[in-house]
Amino acid sequence: MRVLVVDDSADVRFMLRLLLEEEGMTVDEATSGPAAIERLLDGEVPAPDVVVLDQRMPGITGLEVLRELAGRQTGVRMILFSAYLHPTLQAEAEALGATTIVKTELAALVDAVQGLSPVAV
């Protein structure tokens, strides 16, 4: 399974890369919301199966990335993985088709990534 980790923190990206690669996944990284959108819409690069997306990033937030991609048939499953998941944010992210997980729940993240199969497009 190919996973794209989107977070402005190099430390978080590194930790998630180690964690997910240990589970046999291929991990790519993006440092911002715009970089993630570009990566997901670029037909030249192999699409990830799952995107693990931080909420609080400079430029645009994870929720704004979800809004930008809403309605596009990317076939990619999205996980909003953030320490700042209040109920309103969770509800909107889930309405946009994303799974939400609190950033301290690493085991839940691995389980969610493993449980998400690619969406047929």
PDB file of N, CA and C in Angstrom:
ATOM      1  N   MET A   1       0.845  -1.168   0.000  1.00  0.00           N
ATOM      2  CA  MET A   1       0.000   0.000   0.000  1.00  0.00           C
ATOM      3  C   MET A   1       0.895   1.237   0.000  1.00  0.00           C
ATOM      4  N   ARG A   2       0.523   2.230  -0.809  1.00  0.00           N
ATOM      5  CA  ARG A   2       1.272   3.481  -0.910  1.00  0.00           C
ATOM      6  C   ARG A   2       0.541   4.551  -0.094  1.00  0.00           C
ATOM      7  N   VAL A   3       1.296   5.230   0.804  1.00  0.00           N
ATOM      8  CA  VAL A   3       0.733   6.250   1.693  1.00  0.00           C
ATOM      9  C   VAL A   3       1.470   7.567   1.459  1.00  0.00           C
ATOM     10  N   LEU A   4       0.699   8.656   1.376  1.00  0.00           N
ATOM     11  CA  LEU A   4       1.275   9.988   1.312  1.00  0.00           C
ATOM     12  C   LEU A   4       1.051  10.653   2.664  1.00  0.00           C
ATOM     13  N   VAL A   5       2.143  11.019   3.339  1.00  0.00           N
ATOM     14  CA  VAL A   5       2.078  11.710   4.631  1.00  0.00           C
ATOM     15  C   VAL A   5       2.278  13.196   4.363  1.00  0.00           C
ATOM     16  N   VAL A   6       1.292  14.005   4.803  1.00  0.00           N
ATOM     17  CA  VAL A   6       1.330  15.447   4.577  1.00  0.00           C
ATOM     18  C   VAL A   6       1.382  16.143   5.927  1.00  0.00           C
ATOM     19  N   ASP A   7       2.526  16.734   6.239  1.00  0.00           N
ATOM     20  CA  ASP A   7       2.698  17.429   7.513  1.00  0.00           C
ATOM     21  C   ASP A   7       3.840  18.414   7.344  1.00  0.00           C
ATOM     22  N   ASP A   8       3.708  19.606   7.933  1.00  0.00           N
ATOM     23  CA  ASP A   8       4.779  20.591   7.832  1.00  0.00           C
ATOM     24  C   ASP A   8       5.940  20.287   8.771  1.00  0.00           C
ATOM     25  N   SER A   9       5.749  19.364   9.709  1.00  0.00           N
ATOM     26  CA  SER A   9       6.811  19.001  10.649  1.00  0.00           C
ATOM     27  C   SER A   9       7.636  17.828  10.100  1.00  0.00           C
ATOM     28  N   ALA A  10       8.926  18.083   9.886  1.00  0.00           N
ATOM     29  CA  ALA A  10       9.817  17.021   9.419  1.00  0.00           C
ATOM     30  C   ALA A  10       9.876  15.873  10.418  1.00  0.00           C
ATOM     31  N   ASP A  11       9.826  16.183  11.715  1.00  0.00           N
ATOM     32  CA  ASP A  11       9.881  15.143  12.737  1.00  0.00           C
ATOM     33  C   ASP A  11       8.664  14.219  12.663  1.00  0.00           C
ATOM     34  N   VAL A  12       7.484  14.809  12.464  1.00  0.00           N
ATOM     35  CA  VAL A  12       6.259  13.996  12.364  1.00  0.00           C
ATOM     36  C   VAL A  12       6.312  13.145  11.104  1.00  0.00           C
ATOM     37  N   ARG A  13       6.709  13.729   9.983  1.00  0.00           N
ATOM     38  CA  ARG A  13       6.812  12.948   8.744  1.00  0.00           C
ATOM     39  C   ARG A  13       7.783  11.790   8.917  1.00  0.00           C
ATOM     40  N   PHE A  14       8.924  12.029   9.550  1.00  0.00           N
ATOM     41  CA  PHE A  14       9.921  10.984   9.773  1.00  0.00           C
ATOM     42  C   PHE A  14       9.351   9.871  10.647  1.00  0.00           C
ATOM     43  N   MET A  15       8.695  10.243  11.750  1.00  0.00           N
ATOM     44  CA  MET A  15       8.121   9.247  12.654  1.00  0.00           C
ATOM     45  C   MET A  15       7.062   8.400  11.941  1.00  0.00           C
ATOM     46  N   LEU A  16       6.192   9.050  11.176  1.00  0.00           N
ATOM     47  CA  LEU A  16       5.150   8.303  10.473  1.00  0.00           C
ATOM     48  C   LEU A  16       5.745   7.427   9.375  1.00  0.00           C
ATOM     49  N   ARG A  17       6.772   7.919   8.706  1.00  0.00           N
ATOM     50  CA  ARG A  17       7.443   7.090   7.692  1.00  0.00           C
ATOM     51  C   ARG A  17       7.967   5.806   8.323  1.00  0.00           C
ATOM     52  N   LEU A  18       8.690   5.937   9.446  1.00  0.00           N
ATOM     53  CA  LEU A  18       9.226   4.749  10.117  1.00  0.00           C
ATOM     54  C   LEU A  18       8.109   3.796  10.537  1.00  0.00           C
ATOM     55  N   LEU A  19       7.074   4.339  11.134  1.00  0.00           N
ATOM     56  CA  LEU A  19       5.958   3.530  11.627  1.00  0.00           C
ATOM     57  C   LEU A  19       5.263   2.783  10.489  1.00  0.00           C
ATOM     58  N   LEU A  20       4.954   3.486   9.412  1.00  0.00           N
ATOM     59  CA  LEU A  20       4.207   2.869   8.307  1.00  0.00           C
ATOM     60  C   LEU A  20       5.086   1.937   7.471  1.00  0.00           C
ATOM     61  N   GLU A  21       6.352   2.294   7.277  1.00  0.00           N
ATOM     62  CA  GLU A  21       7.241   1.397   6.545  1.00  0.00           C
ATOM     63  C   GLU A  21       7.479   0.107   7.317  1.00  0.00           C
ATOM     64  N   GLU A  22       7.491   0.191   8.631  1.00  0.00           N
ATOM     65  CA  GLU A  22       7.631  -1.011   9.452  1.00  0.00           C
ATOM     66  C   GLU A  22       6.462  -1.968   9.217  1.00  0.00           C
ATOM     67  N   GLU A  23       5.324  -1.422   8.827  1.00  0.00           N
ATOM     68  CA  GLU A  23       4.138  -2.234   8.530  1.00  0.00           C
ATOM     69  C   GLU A  23       4.090  -2.663   7.067  1.00  0.00           C
ATOM     70  N   GLY A  24       5.169  -2.396   6.319  1.00  0.00           N
ATOM     71  CA  GLY A  24       5.267  -2.854   4.939  1.00  0.00           C
ATOM     72  C   GLY A  24       4.699  -1.899   3.900  1.00  0.00           C
ATOM     73  N   MET A  25       4.413  -0.668   4.289  1.00  0.00           N
ATOM     74  CA  MET A  25       3.838   0.300   3.364  1.00  0.00           C
ATOM     75  C   MET A  25       4.938   1.138   2.705  1.00  0.00           C
ATOM     76  N   THR A  26       4.641   1.630   1.521  1.00  0.00           N
ATOM     77  CA  THR A  26       5.507   2.563   0.829  1.00  0.00           C
ATOM     78  C   THR A  26       5.035   3.959   1.194  1.00  0.00           C
ATOM     79  N   VAL A  27       5.947   4.824   1.644  1.00  0.00           N
ATOM     80  CA  VAL A  27       5.568   6.140   2.146  1.00  0.00           C
ATOM     81  C   VAL A  27       6.233   7.231   1.313  1.00  0.00           C
ATOM     82  N   ASP A  28       5.404   8.174   0.847  1.00  0.00           N
ATOM     83  CA  ASP A  28       5.871   9.398   0.218  1.00  0.00           C
ATOM     84  C   ASP A  28       5.505  10.539   1.158  1.00  0.00           C
ATOM     85  N   GLU A  29       6.114  11.702   0.949  1.00  0.00           N
ATOM     86  CA  GLU A  29       5.882  12.833   1.843  1.00  0.00           C
ATOM     87  C   GLU A  29       5.566  14.096   1.068  1.00  0.00           C
ATOM     88  N   ALA A  30       4.759  14.957   1.688  1.00  0.00           N
ATOM     89  CA  ALA A  30       4.526  16.314   1.211  1.00  0.00           C
ATOM     90  C   ALA A  30       4.598  17.224   2.424  1.00  0.00           C
ATOM     91  N   THR A  31       5.137  18.425   2.235  1.00  0.00           N
ATOM     92  CA  THR A  31       5.363  19.329   3.357  1.00  0.00           C
ATOM     93  C   THR A  31       4.268  20.364   3.543  1.00  0.00           C
ATOM     94  N   SER A  32       3.284  20.381   2.633  1.00  0.00           N
ATOM     95  CA  SER A  32       2.234  21.395   2.723  1.00  0.00           C
ATOM     96  C   SER A  32       0.970  20.922   2.014  1.00  0.00           C
ATOM     97  N   GLY A  33      -0.114  21.642   2.273  1.00  0.00           N
ATOM     98  CA  GLY A  33      -1.371  21.347   1.597  1.00  0.00           C
ATOM     99  C   GLY A  33      -1.274  21.521   0.088  1.00  0.00           C
ATOM    100  N   PRO A  34      -0.738  22.656  -0.398  1.00  0.00           N
ATOM    101  CA  PRO A  34      -0.606  22.815  -1.842  1.00  0.00           C
ATOM    102  C   PRO A  34       0.258  21.724  -2.490  1.00  0.00           C
ATOM    103  N   ALA A  35       1.333  21.319  -1.819  1.00  0.00           N
ATOM    104  CA  ALA A  35       2.179  20.241  -2.359  1.00  0.00           C
ATOM    105  C   ALA A  35       1.398  18.935  -2.440  1.00  0.00           C
ATOM    106  N   ALA A  36       0.545  18.686  -1.454  1.00  0.00           N
ATOM    107  CA  ALA A  36      -0.272  17.466  -1.468  1.00  0.00           C
ATOM    108  C   ALA A  36      -1.276  17.502  -2.613  1.00  0.00           C
ATOM    109  N   ILE A  37      -1.930  18.629  -2.798  1.00  0.00           N
ATOM    110  CA  ILE A  37      -2.909  18.754  -3.891  1.00  0.00           C
ATOM    111  C   ILE A  37      -2.221  18.542  -5.234  1.00  0.00           C
ATOM    112  N   GLU A  38      -1.078  19.196  -5.422  1.00  0.00           N
ATOM    113  CA  GLU A  38      -0.328  19.032  -6.668  1.00  0.00           C
ATOM    114  C   GLU A  38       0.040  17.569  -6.887  1.00  0.00           C
ATOM    115  N   ARG A  39       0.518  16.927  -5.833  1.00  0.00           N
ATOM    116  CA  ARG A  39       0.927  15.514  -5.917  1.00  0.00           C
ATOM    117  C   ARG A  39      -0.250  14.622  -6.272  1.00  0.00           C
ATOM    118  N   LEU A  40      -1.419  14.903  -5.666  1.00  0.00           N
ATOM    119  CA  LEU A  40      -2.594  14.063  -5.894  1.00  0.00           C
ATOM    120  C   LEU A  40      -3.206  14.266  -7.277  1.00  0.00           C
ATOM    121  N   LEU A  41      -3.048  15.435  -7.840  1.00  0.00           N
ATOM    122  CA  LEU A  41      -3.646  15.717  -9.143  1.00  0.00           C
ATOM    123  C   LEU A  41      -2.674  15.501 -10.293  1.00  0.00           C
ATOM    124  N   ASP A  42      -1.426  15.173 -10.001  1.00  0.00           N
ATOM    125  CA  ASP A  42      -0.407  14.934 -11.012  1.00  0.00           C
ATOM    126  C   ASP A  42      -0.561  13.512 -11.541  1.00  0.00           C
ATOM    127  N   GLY A  43      -0.984  13.397 -12.763  1.00  0.00           N
ATOM    128  CA  GLY A  43      -1.178  12.076 -13.355  1.00  0.00           C
ATOM    129  C   GLY A  43       0.110  11.343 -13.660  1.00  0.00           C
ATOM    130  N   GLU A  44       1.233  12.036 -13.557  1.00  0.00           N
ATOM    131  CA  GLU A  44       2.526  11.428 -13.884  1.00  0.00           C
ATOM    132  C   GLU A  44       3.074  10.569 -12.738  1.00  0.00           C
ATOM    133  N   VAL A  45       2.712  10.918 -11.503  1.00  0.00           N
ATOM    134  CA  VAL A  45       3.260  10.262 -10.319  1.00  0.00           C
ATOM    135  C   VAL A  45       2.266   9.200  -9.849  1.00  0.00           C
ATOM    136  N   PRO A  46       2.740   8.011  -9.456  1.00  0.00           N
ATOM    137  CA  PRO A  46       1.796   7.003  -8.948  1.00  0.00           C
ATOM    138  C   PRO A  46       0.992   7.548  -7.773  1.00  0.00           C
ATOM    139  N   ALA A  47      -0.313   7.384  -7.854  1.00  0.00           N
ATOM    140  CA  ALA A  47      -1.202   7.900  -6.802  1.00  0.00           C
ATOM    141  C   ALA A  47      -1.072   7.059  -5.541  1.00  0.00           C
ATOM    142  N   PRO A  48      -1.140   7.713  -4.387  1.00  0.00           N
ATOM    143  CA  PRO A  48      -1.166   6.938  -3.141  1.00  0.00           C
ATOM    144  C   PRO A  48      -2.534   6.288  -2.967  1.00  0.00           C
ATOM    145  N   ASP A  49      -2.591   5.276  -2.133  1.00  0.00           N
ATOM    146  CA  ASP A  49      -3.872   4.660  -1.778  1.00  0.00           C
ATOM    147  C   ASP A  49      -4.535   5.441  -0.654  1.00  0.00           C
ATOM    148  N   VAL A  50      -3.702   5.973   0.249  1.00  0.00           N
ATOM    149  CA  VAL A  50      -4.184   6.685   1.435  1.00  0.00           C
ATOM    150  C   VAL A  50      -3.323   7.925   1.646  1.00  0.00           C
ATOM    151  N   VAL A  51      -3.979   9.016   2.074  1.00  0.00           N
ATOM    152  CA  VAL A  51      -3.266  10.236   2.461  1.00  0.00           C
ATOM    153  C   VAL A  51      -3.495  10.460   3.948  1.00  0.00           C
ATOM    154  N   VAL A  52      -2.407  10.634   4.695  1.00  0.00           N
ATOM    155  CA  VAL A  52      -2.467  11.004   6.112  1.00  0.00           C
ATOM    156  C   VAL A  52      -2.149  12.490   6.148  1.00  0.00           C
ATOM    157  N   LEU A  53      -3.148  13.275   6.559  1.00  0.00           N
ATOM    158  CA  LEU A  53      -3.118  14.715   6.373  1.00  0.00           C
ATOM    159  C   LEU A  53      -3.208  15.442   7.707  1.00  0.00           C
ATOM    160  N   ASP A  54      -2.218  16.291   7.979  1.00  0.00           N
ATOM    161  CA  ASP A  54      -2.245  17.140   9.173  1.00  0.00           C
ATOM    162  C   ASP A  54      -3.272  18.245   8.972  1.00  0.00           C
ATOM    163  N   GLN A  55      -3.820  18.777  10.058  1.00  0.00           N
ATOM    164  CA  GLN A  55      -4.775  19.873   9.974  1.00  0.00           C
ATOM    165  C   GLN A  55      -4.076  21.224   9.948  1.00  0.00           C
ATOM    166  N   ARG A  56      -3.244  21.483  10.929  1.00  0.00           N
ATOM    167  CA  ARG A  56      -2.627  22.815  11.058  1.00  0.00           C
ATOM    168  C   ARG A  56      -1.296  22.867  10.327  1.00  0.00           C
ATOM    169  N   MET A  57      -1.348  23.508   9.148  1.00  0.00           N
ATOM    170  CA  MET A  57      -0.148  23.713   8.341  1.00  0.00           C
ATOM    171  C   MET A  57      -0.186  25.137   7.811  1.00  0.00           C
ATOM    172  N   PRO A  58       0.975  25.720   7.559  1.00  0.00           N
ATOM    173  CA  PRO A  58       0.991  27.058   6.958  1.00  0.00           C
ATOM    174  C   PRO A  58       0.357  27.024   5.568  1.00  0.00           C
ATOM    175  N   GLY A  59      -0.210  28.126   5.176  1.00  0.00           N
ATOM    176  CA  GLY A  59      -0.814  28.193   3.845  1.00  0.00           C
ATOM    177  C   GLY A  59      -2.257  27.756   3.893  1.00  0.00           C
ATOM    178  N   ILE A  60      -2.486  26.480   3.657  1.00  0.00           N
ATOM    179  CA  ILE A  60      -3.848  25.955   3.757  1.00  0.00           C
ATOM    180  C   ILE A  60      -3.871  24.773   4.717  1.00  0.00           C
ATOM    181  N   THR A  61      -4.983  24.622   5.380  1.00  0.00           N
ATOM    182  CA  THR A  61      -5.137  23.564   6.374  1.00  0.00           C
ATOM    183  C   THR A  61      -5.491  22.237   5.713  1.00  0.00           C
ATOM    184  N   GLY A  62      -5.435  21.191   6.512  1.00  0.00           N
ATOM    185  CA  GLY A  62      -5.857  19.882   6.025  1.00  0.00           C
ATOM    186  C   GLY A  62      -7.307  19.883   5.569  1.00  0.00           C
ATOM    187  N   LEU A  63      -8.170  20.572   6.306  1.00  0.00           N
ATOM    188  CA  LEU A  63      -9.583  20.651   5.931  1.00  0.00           C
ATOM    189  C   LEU A  63      -9.747  21.371   4.596  1.00  0.00           C
ATOM    190  N   GLU A  64      -8.955  22.389   4.364  1.00  0.00           N
ATOM    191  CA  GLU A  64      -9.015  23.084   3.077  1.00  0.00           C
ATOM    192  C   GLU A  64      -8.542  22.174   1.937  1.00  0.00           C
ATOM    193  N   VAL A  65      -7.583  21.320   2.209  1.00  0.00           N
ATOM    194  CA  VAL A  65      -7.167  20.329   1.205  1.00  0.00           C
ATOM    195  C   VAL A  65      -8.339  19.408   0.896  1.00  0.00           C
ATOM    196  N   LEU A  66      -9.017  18.934   1.940  1.00  0.00           N
ATOM    197  CA  LEU A  66     -10.178  18.067   1.728  1.00  0.00           C
ATOM    198  C   LEU A  66     -11.244  18.779   0.905  1.00  0.00           C
ATOM    199  N   ARG A  67     -11.505  20.043   1.216  1.00  0.00           N
ATOM    200  CA  ARG A  67     -12.501  20.820   0.453  1.00  0.00           C
ATOM    201  C   ARG A  67     -12.087  20.945  -1.012  1.00  0.00           C
ATOM    202  N   GLU A  68     -10.802  21.220  -1.233  1.00  0.00           N
ATOM    203  CA  GLU A  68     -10.301  21.380  -2.606  1.00  0.00           C
ATOM    204  C   GLU A  68     -10.465  20.093  -3.415  1.00  0.00           C
ATOM    205  N   LEU A  69     -10.278  18.972  -2.766  1.00  0.00           N
ATOM    206  CA  LEU A  69     -10.339  17.687  -3.476  1.00  0.00           C
ATOM    207  C   LEU A  69     -11.745  17.090  -3.507  1.00  0.00           C
ATOM    208  N   ALA A  70     -12.666  17.664  -2.738  1.00  0.00           N
ATOM    209  CA  ALA A  70     -14.037  17.136  -2.679  1.00  0.00           C
ATOM    210  C   ALA A  70     -14.642  17.116  -4.082  1.00  0.00           C
ATOM    211  N   GLY A  71     -15.242  16.014  -4.414  1.00  0.00           N
ATOM    212  CA  GLY A  71     -15.893  15.879  -5.705  1.00  0.00           C
ATOM    213  C   GLY A  71     -14.996  15.408  -6.825  1.00  0.00           C
ATOM    214  N   ARG A  72     -13.699  15.443  -6.619  1.00  0.00           N
ATOM    215  CA  ARG A  72     -12.783  14.931  -7.642  1.00  0.00           C
ATOM    216  C   ARG A  72     -12.633  13.428  -7.435  1.00  0.00           C
ATOM    217  N   GLN A  73     -12.637  12.706  -8.475  1.00  0.00           N
ATOM    218  CA  GLN A  73     -12.540  11.252  -8.393  1.00  0.00           C
ATOM    219  C   GLN A  73     -11.082  10.825  -8.342  1.00  0.00           C
ATOM    220  N   THR A  74     -10.449  11.054  -7.196  1.00  0.00           N
ATOM    221  CA  THR A  74      -9.031  10.708  -7.075  1.00  0.00           C
ATOM    222  C   THR A  74      -8.825   9.242  -6.723  1.00  0.00           C
ATOM    223  N   GLY A  75      -9.819   8.597  -6.122  1.00  0.00           N
ATOM    224  CA  GLY A  75      -9.662   7.210  -5.699  1.00  0.00           C
ATOM    225  C   GLY A  75      -8.789   7.055  -4.473  1.00  0.00           C
ATOM    226  N   VAL A  76      -8.490   8.157  -3.797  1.00  0.00           N
ATOM    227  CA  VAL A  76      -7.588   8.144  -2.655  1.00  0.00           C
ATOM    228  C   VAL A  76      -8.388   8.306  -1.369  1.00  0.00           C
ATOM    229  N   ARG A  77      -8.100   7.462  -0.394  1.00  0.00           N
ATOM    230  CA  ARG A  77      -8.742   7.575   0.919  1.00  0.00           C
ATOM    231  C   ARG A  77      -7.958   8.577   1.756  1.00  0.00           C
ATOM    232  N   MET A  78      -8.669   9.391   2.526  1.00  0.00           N
ATOM    233  CA  MET A  78      -8.046  10.466   3.284  1.00  0.00           C
ATOM    234  C   MET A  78      -8.239  10.261   4.784  1.00  0.00           C
ATOM    235  N   ILE A  79      -7.169  10.525   5.536  1.00  0.00           N
ATOM    236  CA  ILE A  79      -7.224  10.506   7.002  1.00  0.00           C
ATOM    237  C   ILE A  79      -6.734  11.856   7.490  1.00  0.00           C
ATOM    238  N   LEU A  80      -7.590  12.583   8.215  1.00  0.00           N
ATOM    239  CA  LEU A  80      -7.174  13.821   8.864  1.00  0.00           C
ATOM    240  C   LEU A  80      -6.632  13.424  10.228  1.00  0.00           C
ATOM    241  N   PHE A  81      -5.335  13.620  10.409  1.00  0.00           N
ATOM    242  CA  PHE A  81      -4.590  13.148  11.579  1.00  0.00           C
ATOM    243  C   PHE A  81      -4.058  14.365  12.305  1.00  0.00           C
ATOM    244  N   SER A  82      -4.744  14.772  13.377  1.00  0.00           N
ATOM    245  CA  SER A  82      -4.411  16.053  13.986  1.00  0.00           C
ATOM    246  C   SER A  82      -4.620  16.045  15.486  1.00  0.00           C
ATOM    247  N   ALA A  83      -3.851  16.859  16.176  1.00  0.00           N
ATOM    248  CA  ALA A  83      -4.030  17.055  17.615  1.00  0.00           C
ATOM    249  C   ALA A  83      -5.186  18.012  17.883  1.00  0.00           C
ATOM    250  N   TYR A  84      -5.721  18.632  16.845  1.00  0.00           N
ATOM    251  CA  TYR A  84      -6.737  19.670  16.989  1.00  0.00           C
ATOM    252  C   TYR A  84      -8.065  19.242  16.376  1.00  0.00           C
ATOM    253  N   LEU A  85      -8.577  18.104  16.791  1.00  0.00           N
ATOM    254  CA  LEU A  85      -9.828  17.594  16.241  1.00  0.00           C
ATOM    255  C   LEU A  85     -11.004  17.905  17.161  1.00  0.00           C
ATOM    256  N   HIS A  86     -11.561  19.079  17.022  1.00  0.00           N
ATOM    257  CA  HIS A  86     -12.772  19.379  17.775  1.00  0.00           C
ATOM    258  C   HIS A  86     -13.974  18.840  16.987  1.00  0.00           C
ATOM    259  N   PRO A  87     -15.124  18.670  17.642  1.00  0.00           N
ATOM    260  CA  PRO A  87     -16.278  18.017  17.000  1.00  0.00           C
ATOM    261  C   PRO A  87     -16.716  18.643  15.676  1.00  0.00           C
ATOM    262  N   THR A  88     -16.690  19.949  15.564  1.00  0.00           N
ATOM    263  CA  THR A  88     -17.101  20.589  14.315  1.00  0.00           C
ATOM    264  C   THR A  88     -16.145  20.239  13.181  1.00  0.00           C
ATOM    265  N   LEU A  89     -14.858  20.266  13.468  1.00  0.00           N
ATOM    266  CA  LEU A  89     -13.849  19.913  12.477  1.00  0.00           C
ATOM    267  C   LEU A  89     -14.005  18.450  12.062  1.00  0.00           C
ATOM    268  N   GLN A  90     -14.172  17.579  13.038  1.00  0.00           N
ATOM    269  CA  GLN A  90     -14.354  16.159  12.729  1.00  0.00           C
ATOM    270  C   GLN A  90     -15.573  15.947  11.850  1.00  0.00           C
ATOM    271  N   ALA A  91     -16.675  16.582  12.189  1.00  0.00           N
ATOM    272  CA  ALA A  91     -17.907  16.410  11.422  1.00  0.00           C
ATOM    273  C   ALA A  91     -17.727  16.862   9.974  1.00  0.00           C
ATOM    274  N   GLU A  92     -17.089  18.019   9.773  1.00  0.00           N
ATOM    275  CA  GLU A  92     -16.896  18.498   8.406  1.00  0.00           C
ATOM    276  C   GLU A  92     -15.946  17.592   7.625  1.00  0.00           C
ATOM    277  N   ALA A  93     -14.857  17.174   8.255  1.00  0.00           N
ATOM    278  CA  ALA A  93     -13.911  16.279   7.575  1.00  0.00           C
ATOM    279  C   ALA A  93     -14.586  14.969   7.192  1.00  0.00           C
ATOM    280  N   GLU A  94     -15.359  14.417   8.101  1.00  0.00           N
ATOM    281  CA  GLU A  94     -16.055  13.158   7.819  1.00  0.00           C
ATOM    282  C   GLU A  94     -17.117  13.338   6.734  1.00  0.00           C
ATOM    283  N   ALA A  95     -17.791  14.509   6.716  1.00  0.00           N
ATOM    284  CA  ALA A  95     -18.761  14.790   5.658  1.00  0.00           C
ATOM    285  C   ALA A  95     -18.082  14.864   4.289  1.00  0.00           C
ATOM    286  N   LEU A  96     -16.811  15.228   4.277  1.00  0.00           N
ATOM    287  CA  LEU A  96     -16.027  15.275   3.041  1.00  0.00           C
ATOM    288  C   LEU A  96     -15.404  13.918   2.700  1.00  0.00           C
ATOM    289  N   GLY A  97     -15.707  12.893   3.503  1.00  0.00           N
ATOM    290  CA  GLY A  97     -15.254  11.540   3.208  1.00  0.00           C
ATOM    291  C   GLY A  97     -13.982  11.105   3.906  1.00  0.00           C
ATOM    292  N   ALA A  98     -13.453  11.934   4.789  1.00  0.00           N
ATOM    293  CA  ALA A  98     -12.202  11.597   5.475  1.00  0.00           C
ATOM    294  C   ALA A  98     -12.472  10.861   6.779  1.00  0.00           C
ATOM    295  N   THR A  99     -11.539  10.043   7.169  1.00  0.00           N
ATOM    296  CA  THR A  99     -11.508   9.455   8.497  1.00  0.00           C
ATOM    297  C   THR A  99     -10.735  10.426   9.377  1.00  0.00           C
ATOM    298  N   THR A 100     -11.131  10.573  10.647  1.00  0.00           N
ATOM    299  CA  THR A 100     -10.397  11.470  11.543  1.00  0.00           C
ATOM    300  C   THR A 100      -9.797  10.680  12.694  1.00  0.00           C
ATOM    301  N   ILE A 101      -8.545  11.008  13.004  1.00  0.00           N
ATOM    302  CA  ILE A 101      -7.832  10.333  14.087  1.00  0.00           C
ATOM    303  C   ILE A 101      -7.000  11.359  14.834  1.00  0.00           C
ATOM    304  N   VAL A 102      -7.039  11.284  16.160  1.00  0.00           N
ATOM    305  CA  VAL A 102      -6.244  12.173  17.002  1.00  0.00           C
ATOM    306  C   VAL A 102      -4.771  11.789  16.878  1.00  0.00           C
ATOM    307  N   LYS A 103      -3.899  12.784  16.803  1.00  0.00           N
ATOM    308  CA  LYS A 103      -2.480  12.569  16.519  1.00  0.00           C
ATOM    309  C   LYS A 103      -1.755  11.700  17.550  1.00  0.00           C
ATOM    310  N   THR A 104      -2.293  11.573  18.740  1.00  0.00           N
ATOM    311  CA  THR A 104      -1.638  10.736  19.745  1.00  0.00           C
ATOM    312  C   THR A 104      -1.984   9.257  19.582  1.00  0.00           C
ATOM    313  N   GLU A 105      -2.898   8.934  18.701  1.00  0.00           N
ATOM    314  CA  GLU A 105      -3.375   7.558  18.537  1.00  0.00           C
ATOM    315  C   GLU A 105      -2.671   6.864  17.370  1.00  0.00           C
ATOM    316  N   LEU A 106      -1.392   6.572  17.553  1.00  0.00           N
ATOM    317  CA  LEU A 106      -0.608   5.984  16.467  1.00  0.00           C
ATOM    318  C   LEU A 106      -1.094   4.596  16.071  1.00  0.00           C
ATOM    319  N   ALA A 107      -1.474   3.784  17.042  1.00  0.00           N
ATOM    320  CA  ALA A 107      -1.980   2.443  16.715  1.00  0.00           C
ATOM    321  C   ALA A 107      -3.274   2.552  15.914  1.00  0.00           C
ATOM    322  N   ALA A 108      -4.138   3.495  16.277  1.00  0.00           N
ATOM    323  CA  ALA A 108      -5.389   3.703  15.536  1.00  0.00           C
ATOM    324  C   ALA A 108      -5.098   4.158  14.107  1.00  0.00           C
ATOM    325  N   LEU A 109      -4.051   4.963  13.940  1.00  0.00           N
ATOM    326  CA  LEU A 109      -3.682   5.399  12.602  1.00  0.00           C
ATOM    327  C   LEU A 109      -3.254   4.210  11.747  1.00  0.00           C
ATOM    328  N   VAL A 110      -2.374   3.382  12.277  1.00  0.00           N
ATOM    329  CA  VAL A 110      -1.917   2.208  11.526  1.00  0.00           C
ATOM    330  C   VAL A 110      -3.107   1.310  11.181  1.00  0.00           C
ATOM    331  N   ASP A 111      -3.983   1.066  12.147  1.00  0.00           N
ATOM    332  CA  ASP A 111      -5.166   0.239  11.889  1.00  0.00           C
ATOM    333  C   ASP A 111      -6.036   0.843  10.793  1.00  0.00           C
ATOM    334  N   ALA A 112      -6.221   2.160  10.849  1.00  0.00           N
ATOM    335  CA  ALA A 112      -7.061   2.831   9.842  1.00  0.00           C
ATOM    336  C   ALA A 112      -6.442   2.743   8.450  1.00  0.00           C
ATOM    337  N   VAL A 113      -5.148   2.983   8.358  1.00  0.00           N
ATOM    338  CA  VAL A 113      -4.482   2.900   7.058  1.00  0.00           C
ATOM    339  C   VAL A 113      -4.588   1.484   6.505  1.00  0.00           C
ATOM    340  N   GLN A 114      -4.344   0.500   7.345  1.00  0.00           N
ATOM    341  CA  GLN A 114      -4.422  -0.894   6.906  1.00  0.00           C
ATOM    342  C   GLN A 114      -5.838  -1.280   6.512  1.00  0.00           C
ATOM    343  N   GLY A 115      -6.828  -0.674   7.153  1.00  0.00           N
ATOM    344  CA  GLY A 115      -8.222  -1.016   6.884  1.00  0.00           C
ATOM    345  C   GLY A 115      -8.832  -0.297   5.693  1.00  0.00           C
ATOM    346  N   LEU A 116      -8.151   0.702   5.166  1.00  0.00           N
ATOM    347  CA  LEU A 116      -8.696   1.456   4.041  1.00  0.00           C
ATOM    348  C   LEU A 116      -8.220   0.850   2.744  1.00  0.00           C
ATOM    349  N   SER A 117      -9.167   0.459   1.937  1.00  0.00           N
ATOM    350  CA  SER A 117      -8.802  -0.031   0.622  1.00  0.00           C
ATOM    351  C   SER A 117      -9.022   1.090  -0.372  1.00  0.00           C
ATOM    352  N   PRO A 118      -8.324   1.065  -1.484  1.00  0.00           N
ATOM    353  CA  PRO A 118      -8.508   2.120  -2.494  1.00  0.00           C
ATOM    354  C   PRO A 118      -9.959   2.184  -2.960  1.00  0.00           C
ATOM    355  N   VAL A 119     -10.380   3.396  -3.288  1.00  0.00           N
ATOM    356  CA  VAL A 119     -11.732   3.626  -3.796  1.00  0.00           C
ATOM    357  C   VAL A 119     -11.715   3.416  -5.297  1.00  0.00           C
ATOM    358  N   ALA A 120     -12.704   2.717  -5.816  1.00  0.00           N
ATOM    359  CA  ALA A 120     -12.789   2.534  -7.266  1.00  0.00           C
ATOM    360  C   ALA A 120     -13.190   3.846  -7.926  1.00  0.00           C
ATOM    361  N   VAL A 121     -12.503   4.198  -9.011  1.00  0.00           N
ATOM    362  CA  VAL A 121     -12.833   5.430  -9.751  1.00  0.00           C
ATOM    363  C   VAL A 121     -13.319   5.121 -11.127  1.00  0.00           C
TER     364      VAL A 121
END
